[in-house]
Amino acid sequence: MADELREPSGDRLLRDSALYREFQAEREEILKHKWIESEKAGHDIGFERALTDWIIKHRSQWRKERERQAAAAQSGQ
């Protein structure tokens, strides 16, 4: 493979990190929440409002569910 086509190792390391995957998963949930709440409001509520609302209303439960799923996957269930 030509050098210019290779992914820099730092980018690959970031993409493959558990922390980055968690960030991406959380971001997707916030964007879903933004879409749902924007549809309800009849206009785009904006990312900051969606983020704040999602953190207050859903983040704690979302994290607990992610932890439960990770534990179940580790135990082979």
Protein backbone atom coordinates (compact mmCIF):
# COMPACT_ATOMS: atom_id res chain seq x y z
CA MET A 1 0.00 0.00 0.00
CA ALA A 2 1.31 3.45 -0.86
CA ASP A 3 2.40 5.63 2.07
CA GLU A 4 -0.23 8.27 1.30
CA LEU A 5 -3.03 5.68 1.62
CA ARG A 6 -1.99 4.44 5.03
CA GLU A 7 -3.89 5.67 8.03
CA PRO A 8 -1.64 7.50 10.50
CA SER A 9 -1.15 5.30 13.56
CA GLY A 10 -2.42 8.06 15.89
CA ASP A 11 -5.71 8.28 14.00
CA ARG A 12 -6.13 4.52 14.09
CA LEU A 13 -5.30 4.44 17.79
CA LEU A 14 -7.90 7.12 18.49
CA ARG A 15 -10.57 5.42 16.38
CA ASP A 16 -9.95 2.06 18.03
CA SER A 17 -9.92 3.37 21.62
CA ALA A 18 -12.77 2.45 23.94
CA LEU A 19 -13.07 6.06 25.09
CA TYR A 20 -13.56 7.29 21.53
CA ARG A 21 -16.14 4.58 20.81
CA GLU A 22 -18.05 5.64 23.93
CA PHE A 23 -17.89 9.27 22.83
CA GLN A 24 -19.24 8.34 19.40
CA ALA A 25 -22.06 6.25 20.87
CA GLU A 26 -23.05 9.06 23.24
CA ARG A 27 -22.94 11.60 20.41
CA GLU A 28 -25.26 9.42 18.33
CA GLU A 29 -27.76 9.28 21.20
CA ILE A 30 -27.65 13.06 21.57
CA LEU A 31 -28.25 13.51 17.84
CA LYS A 32 -31.23 11.12 18.00
CA HIS A 33 -32.58 13.09 20.95
CA LYS A 34 -32.07 16.34 19.03
CA TRP A 35 -34.05 14.99 16.09
CA ILE A 36 -36.92 13.72 18.26
CA GLU A 37 -37.18 16.89 20.32
CA SER A 38 -36.89 19.08 17.21
CA GLU A 39 -39.76 17.17 15.60
CA LYS A 40 -41.86 17.70 18.74
CA ALA A 41 -41.03 21.41 18.83
CA GLY A 42 -41.60 21.89 15.12
CA HIS A 43 -38.15 23.46 14.66
CA ASP A 44 -34.48 22.66 15.15
CA ILE A 45 -33.75 22.99 18.86
CA GLY A 46 -29.99 23.07 18.31
CA PHE A 47 -27.24 20.81 19.54
CA GLU A 48 -26.51 22.61 22.82
CA ARG A 49 -30.13 22.47 23.98
CA ALA A 50 -30.40 18.81 22.94
CA LEU A 51 -27.14 18.00 24.71
CA THR A 52 -28.19 19.67 27.95
CA ASP A 53 -31.66 18.10 27.86
CA TRP A 54 -30.27 14.63 27.10
CA ILE A 55 -27.68 14.86 29.91
CA ILE A 56 -30.32 15.89 32.43
CA LYS A 57 -32.99 13.40 31.34
CA HIS A 58 -31.21 10.38 29.87
CA ARG A 59 -27.44 10.16 30.34
CA SER A 60 -27.39 8.40 33.69
CA GLN A 61 -29.77 5.65 32.58
CA TRP A 62 -27.99 5.33 29.21
CA ARG A 63 -24.64 4.81 30.93
CA LYS A 64 -26.09 2.25 33.34
CA GLU A 65 -27.53 0.31 30.39
CA ARG A 66 -24.20 0.47 28.51
CA GLU A 67 -22.39 -0.84 31.59
CA ARG A 68 -24.94 -3.64 31.98
CA GLN A 69 -24.53 -4.63 28.34
CA ALA A 70 -20.72 -4.58 28.61
CA ALA A 71 -20.81 -6.75 31.74
CA ALA A 72 -23.16 -9.20 30.05
CA ALA A 73 -20.90 -9.37 26.99
CA GLN A 74 -17.85 -10.03 29.17
CA SER A 75 -19.60 -12.82 31.05
CA GLY A 76 -20.67 -14.41 27.76
CA GLN A 77 -24.40 -13.91 28.15
